[in-house]
Amino acid sequence: MSDDILYERHGHVRLITINRPARMNSMDFAANDALIERWKEFDADDDARCAVVTGAGDRAFCAGADLKTYTMAYATTPVPEFRRRFTNGPGFGGITRNLPVFKPIVAAVNGFAVSGGLELALAADLRFCSPSARFGLQDTRWGFHACDGALVRLKEIVGLGNAMEMILSGDLFDAGHAYRIGLVNRVVDAGRLLAESLDYAARLASRAPLPQRMAKEVMHRIHGMSLDEALRLESDSFRDLGDTHDLDEGTRAFREGRDAEFLGR
C-alpha cells in the first residue's frame, strides 16, 4: 500500500492521513486510488466504527488534485477512458461520489482545504478545523467548476447564498467565516486538533453503530423524495432496528444504569 495514505487503528476509530505534505497533500492518481482502497477497507471492517481523515503537517488538509500529474494524464489518456473513470468510479478522495460509506466520518482540517480537498471534507459528516484553516473552491479562477460533490453538498451544509459566494467567487475563506456559516462544527487550537478529533470520533464509536449507519443512510437517501416518501423511509429504518441485539442491549443498559456495550448487530 502507498505511503501517501496512512491508516492507523485507534480502538474502534481509524485515522486516515493524506501523507504528501511536500505537495500540500494534493493527490495524484496513485494517492487517490490508495485512499479509495482505505475507505473500502474501513467500510468492510466490522471493528471500525468511525474514521478521522486529515492531512500530514499543518499547512494543508488537502489542496485538491496534484494538477501537474492530472494535467499530464489528461494529455495522454483518451477522453472516453477518462469519462468512464470519472463518471462510473469513485470521485476524488473516494467518498465524494460512487463510494457510499455510512459509518461516521470526521474531517480534521489543518490548513488549506481547497477545491477537491474541500469536496473531500464536505463528504465527511463533521468538520473540525484549526484557526489557520482556509477553505475555497477555486475552480472558477481556472475555467471550470467543482465536480466532486461541492455543487450538491455545500448548499445543504451552509445554505444557498453562502454556497453561491464560495462557488462563484473562487475566493478563500478563513476558519472564523467557515464556523459562522456552519461549514465547520468546531475551531480547535492546532496543537489539539487531531487529539480532539480522535477523542470525538471515539465518543461516536461508543454509540450504537447500526442506528448511526442507518440514520446516515436515510439522511442521504431522502434527497429528491417527497415528504411522505422521506418520512416512510425514516419509519421503515426505525422499524428495522426493532430486532437488533444493540437495541436490546441499549434498553437493558438504560434500565440497569450502566454504559451499553454495543456489538453492531
Protein backbone atom coordinates (compact mmCIF):
# COMPACT_ATOMS: atom_id res chain seq x y z
CA MET A 1 0.00 0.00 0.00
CA SER A 2 1.22 3.51 -0.85
CA ASP A 3 2.94 5.53 1.89
CA ASP A 4 0.99 8.51 0.52
CA ILE A 5 -2.02 7.35 2.55
CA LEU A 6 -1.51 6.28 6.16
CA TYR A 7 -4.02 4.12 8.02
CA GLU A 8 -3.89 3.75 11.80
CA ARG A 9 -6.06 1.95 14.34
CA HIS A 10 -7.19 3.76 17.49
CA GLY A 11 -9.58 1.35 19.15
CA HIS A 12 -12.75 1.37 17.04
CA VAL A 13 -11.54 4.54 15.25
CA ARG A 14 -9.44 4.59 12.09
CA LEU A 15 -7.17 7.56 11.36
CA ILE A 16 -6.63 8.13 7.63
CA THR A 17 -3.88 10.61 6.78
CA ILE A 18 -3.04 12.04 3.36
CA ASN A 19 0.74 11.96 3.60
CA ARG A 20 2.02 14.26 0.86
CA PRO A 21 2.99 17.40 2.81
CA ALA A 22 5.59 18.48 0.25
CA ARG A 23 2.74 18.73 -2.28
CA MET A 24 0.30 20.41 0.18
CA ASN A 25 -1.34 16.97 0.47
CA SER A 26 -2.62 17.28 -3.07
CA MET A 27 -3.24 13.89 -4.61
CA ASP A 28 -2.10 12.29 -7.82
CA PHE A 29 -3.88 9.27 -9.28
CA ALA A 30 -1.85 6.76 -7.24
CA ALA A 31 -2.60 8.53 -3.93
CA ASN A 32 -6.26 8.89 -4.85
CA ASP A 33 -6.51 5.18 -5.67
CA ALA A 34 -4.79 4.32 -2.38
CA LEU A 35 -7.27 6.47 -0.47
CA ILE A 36 -10.16 4.73 -2.21
CA GLU A 37 -8.81 1.36 -1.06
CA ARG A 38 -8.51 2.62 2.51
CA TRP A 39 -12.13 3.76 2.51
CA LYS A 40 -13.17 0.33 1.25
CA GLU A 41 -11.10 -1.31 3.99
CA PHE A 42 -12.68 0.90 6.64
CA ASP A 43 -16.18 0.21 5.36
CA ALA A 44 -15.67 -3.57 5.31
CA ASP A 45 -14.11 -3.79 8.78
CA ASP A 46 -16.79 -4.54 11.38
CA ASP A 47 -14.40 -3.44 14.15
CA ALA A 48 -14.02 0.02 12.57
CA ARG A 49 -16.89 2.25 13.65
CA CYS A 50 -15.69 5.80 12.91
CA ALA A 51 -12.96 7.42 10.82
CA VAL A 52 -10.96 10.63 11.09
CA VAL A 53 -9.44 11.91 7.86
CA THR A 54 -6.70 14.56 7.91
CA GLY A 55 -3.57 15.75 6.13
CA ALA A 56 0.05 15.42 7.24
CA GLY A 57 1.65 18.54 8.68
CA ASP A 58 -0.05 21.83 9.45
CA ARG A 59 -0.06 23.58 6.07
CA ALA A 60 -2.84 21.70 4.33
CA PHE A 61 -5.63 19.21 4.82
CA CYS A 62 -5.71 18.64 1.07
CA ALA A 63 -5.05 21.08 -1.75
CA GLY A 64 -7.09 19.03 -4.21
CA ALA A 65 -5.70 17.28 -7.24
CA ASP A 66 -1.98 17.40 -8.00
CA LEU A 67 -2.55 19.32 -11.20
CA LYS A 68 0.86 18.54 -12.68
CA THR A 69 0.13 14.82 -12.78
CA TYR A 70 -3.55 15.25 -13.59
CA THR A 71 -2.76 17.57 -16.49
CA MET A 72 -0.24 15.07 -17.85
CA ALA A 73 -2.78 12.29 -17.54
CA TYR A 74 -5.42 14.37 -19.33
CA ALA A 75 -2.96 14.96 -22.14
CA THR A 76 -2.09 11.28 -22.59
CA THR A 77 -5.36 9.44 -21.85
CA PRO A 78 -8.18 9.14 -24.39
CA VAL A 79 -11.23 11.20 -23.44
CA PRO A 80 -13.67 8.23 -23.39
CA GLU A 81 -11.45 6.42 -20.87
CA PHE A 82 -11.40 9.47 -18.61
CA ARG A 83 -15.16 9.83 -18.94
CA ARG A 84 -15.73 6.22 -17.87
CA ARG A 85 -13.36 6.52 -14.94
CA PHE A 86 -14.74 9.76 -13.53
CA THR A 87 -18.40 9.00 -14.21
CA ASN A 88 -18.59 5.39 -13.05
CA GLY A 89 -15.82 5.15 -10.47
CA PRO A 90 -15.38 6.75 -7.05
CA GLY A 91 -14.87 10.51 -7.04
CA PHE A 92 -11.88 12.49 -5.85
CA GLY A 93 -10.92 11.28 -2.39
CA GLY A 94 -13.12 8.24 -2.88
CA ILE A 95 -16.16 9.14 -0.78
CA THR A 96 -17.17 12.18 -2.82
CA ARG A 97 -19.01 10.04 -5.39
CA ASN A 98 -19.95 6.40 -6.09
CA LEU A 99 -18.43 5.06 -2.86
CA PRO A 100 -21.06 5.27 -0.11
CA VAL A 101 -19.73 4.82 3.43
CA PHE A 102 -22.44 5.08 6.06
CA LYS A 103 -20.17 4.92 9.10
CA PRO A 104 -19.45 8.30 10.76
CA ILE A 105 -16.52 10.28 9.32
CA VAL A 106 -14.83 13.32 10.90
CA ALA A 107 -12.56 15.62 8.86
CA ALA A 108 -9.75 17.27 10.84
CA VAL A 109 -8.87 20.23 8.62
CA ASN A 110 -5.38 21.54 9.33
CA GLY A 111 -4.59 24.34 6.88
CA PHE A 112 -5.83 24.59 3.31
CA ALA A 113 -8.87 22.62 2.15
CA VAL A 114 -9.36 23.80 -1.40
CA SER A 115 -11.17 22.53 -4.47
CA GLY A 116 -11.13 18.70 -4.34
CA GLY A 117 -9.76 18.88 -0.81
CA LEU A 118 -12.78 20.86 0.32
CA GLU A 119 -15.04 18.45 -1.52
CA LEU A 120 -13.47 15.59 0.43
CA ALA A 121 -14.13 17.46 3.69
CA LEU A 122 -17.72 18.11 2.61
CA ALA A 123 -18.24 14.37 2.12
CA ALA A 124 -17.38 13.83 5.79
CA ASP A 125 -20.15 14.12 8.37
CA LEU A 126 -18.41 16.56 10.71
CA ARG A 127 -15.60 19.02 10.16
CA PHE A 128 -13.22 20.30 12.86
CA CYS A 129 -10.54 22.79 11.86
CA SER A 130 -7.56 24.72 13.17
CA PRO A 131 -7.63 28.55 13.32
CA SER A 132 -5.26 28.65 10.35
CA ALA A 133 -7.57 26.61 8.11
CA ARG A 134 -8.56 28.10 4.78
CA PHE A 135 -11.42 26.92 2.60
CA GLY A 136 -12.14 27.55 -1.05
CA LEU A 137 -13.46 26.27 -4.35
CA GLN A 138 -11.02 27.99 -6.68
CA ASP A 139 -12.14 26.21 -9.83
CA THR A 140 -13.77 29.26 -11.44
CA ARG A 141 -10.39 31.01 -11.33
CA TRP A 142 -9.05 28.40 -13.75
CA GLY A 143 -12.03 27.97 -16.08
CA PHE A 144 -14.07 25.12 -14.61
CA HIS A 145 -16.30 24.37 -11.64
CA ALA A 146 -16.39 21.83 -8.82
CA CYS A 147 -17.21 18.30 -9.96
CA ASP A 148 -16.90 16.05 -6.88
CA GLY A 149 -19.92 16.96 -4.85
CA ALA A 150 -19.49 20.61 -3.84
CA LEU A 151 -22.31 21.82 -6.07
CA VAL A 152 -24.57 19.28 -4.39
CA ARG A 153 -23.40 19.19 -0.76
CA LEU A 154 -22.23 22.71 0.01
CA LYS A 155 -25.65 24.38 -0.14
CA GLU A 156 -27.07 21.66 2.12
CA ILE A 157 -24.43 22.50 4.72
CA VAL A 158 -24.12 26.30 4.56
CA GLY A 159 -27.25 27.43 2.69
CA LEU A 160 -27.66 28.56 -0.90
CA GLY A 161 -26.39 32.15 -0.53
CA ASN A 162 -23.17 31.19 1.25
CA ALA A 163 -22.59 28.34 -1.18
CA MET A 164 -23.04 30.66 -4.16
CA GLU A 165 -20.49 33.07 -2.70
CA MET A 166 -17.88 30.34 -2.36
CA ILE A 167 -18.59 28.65 -5.70
CA LEU A 168 -18.91 31.73 -7.90
CA SER A 169 -16.07 33.79 -6.42
CA GLY A 170 -13.32 31.20 -6.13
CA ASP A 171 -12.15 33.10 -3.03
CA LEU A 172 -10.56 31.65 0.09
CA PHE A 173 -12.38 31.91 3.42
CA ASP A 174 -10.88 31.70 6.88
CA ALA A 175 -11.82 29.48 9.82
CA GLY A 176 -13.93 32.16 11.50
CA HIS A 177 -16.10 32.61 8.43
CA ALA A 178 -16.35 28.83 7.99
CA TYR A 179 -17.61 28.46 11.55
CA ARG A 180 -20.11 31.32 11.24
CA ILE A 181 -21.77 29.81 8.16
CA GLY A 182 -21.78 26.27 9.55
CA LEU A 183 -19.14 24.85 7.24
CA VAL A 184 -17.20 23.57 10.26
CA ASN A 185 -18.55 22.29 13.56
CA ARG A 186 -15.62 23.38 15.72
CA VAL A 187 -12.49 25.51 15.53
CA VAL A 188 -9.80 23.88 17.68
CA ASP A 189 -6.29 25.01 18.59
CA ALA A 190 -3.87 23.50 16.10
CA GLY A 191 -1.99 21.60 18.78
CA ARG A 192 -5.20 19.91 19.90
CA LEU A 193 -6.98 19.44 16.58
CA LEU A 194 -6.08 15.83 15.89
CA ALA A 195 -6.41 14.71 19.51
CA GLU A 196 -9.83 16.35 19.88
CA SER A 197 -10.98 14.90 16.56
CA LEU A 198 -9.89 11.42 17.64
CA ASP A 199 -11.50 11.86 21.07
CA TYR A 200 -14.77 12.90 19.46
CA ALA A 201 -14.57 10.00 16.99
CA ALA A 202 -14.04 7.63 19.92
CA ARG A 203 -17.20 9.04 21.52
CA LEU A 204 -19.11 8.39 18.29
CA ALA A 205 -17.62 4.89 18.17
CA SER A 206 -19.00 4.19 21.64
CA ARG A 207 -22.56 4.72 20.43
CA ALA A 208 -24.68 2.05 18.74
CA PRO A 209 -23.20 1.62 15.25
CA LEU A 210 -26.26 0.19 13.48
CA PRO A 211 -28.58 3.15 14.09
CA GLN A 212 -25.73 5.54 13.24
CA ARG A 213 -25.25 3.91 9.86
CA MET A 214 -28.94 3.54 9.18
CA ALA A 215 -29.69 7.15 10.17
CA LYS A 216 -26.86 8.41 7.95
CA GLU A 217 -28.14 6.32 5.06
CA VAL A 218 -31.68 7.65 5.49
CA MET A 219 -30.41 11.24 5.51
CA HIS A 220 -28.51 10.60 2.29
CA ARG A 221 -31.33 8.71 0.55
CA ILE A 222 -34.13 11.21 1.18
CA HIS A 223 -32.81 13.86 -1.24
CA GLY A 224 -35.33 14.26 -4.03
CA MET A 225 -38.07 12.34 -2.23
CA SER A 226 -41.45 13.77 -1.36
CA LEU A 227 -42.12 14.44 2.32
CA ASP A 228 -44.33 11.34 2.57
CA GLU A 229 -41.67 9.13 0.94
CA ALA A 230 -38.94 10.52 3.19
CA LEU A 231 -40.99 10.00 6.35
CA ARG A 232 -41.82 6.46 5.27
CA LEU A 233 -38.14 5.65 4.73
CA GLU A 234 -37.32 7.03 8.17
CA SER A 235 -40.03 4.97 9.89
CA ASP A 236 -39.09 1.82 7.92
CA SER A 237 -35.49 2.23 9.05
CA PHE A 238 -36.61 2.66 12.67
CA ARG A 239 -38.76 -0.46 12.41
CA ASP A 240 -35.81 -2.46 11.07
CA LEU A 241 -33.89 -1.71 14.27
CA GLY A 242 -36.54 -3.49 16.31
CA ASP A 243 -34.99 -6.95 16.25
CA THR A 244 -31.36 -5.96 16.73
CA HIS A 245 -29.10 -7.05 19.57
CA ASP A 246 -27.93 -3.48 20.11
CA LEU A 247 -31.45 -2.15 20.70
CA ASP A 248 -31.99 -4.85 23.31
CA GLU A 249 -28.60 -4.09 24.88
CA GLY A 250 -29.22 -0.35 24.88
CA THR A 251 -32.60 -0.57 26.58
CA ARG A 252 -31.27 -3.10 29.11
CA ALA A 253 -28.28 -0.88 29.90
CA PHE A 254 -30.61 2.09 30.43
CA ARG A 255 -32.74 0.11 32.90
CA GLU A 256 -29.64 -1.14 34.73
CA GLY A 257 -27.98 2.27 34.89
CA ARG A 258 -24.78 1.25 33.06
CA ASP A 259 -22.98 2.01 29.81
CA ALA A 260 -24.16 -0.11 26.90
CA GLU A 261 -21.75 -2.46 25.18
CA PHE A 262 -22.78 -2.43 21.54
CA LEU A 263 -21.75 -5.15 19.10
CA GLY A 264 -23.06 -3.64 15.88
CA ARG A 265 -25.65 -6.36 15.28
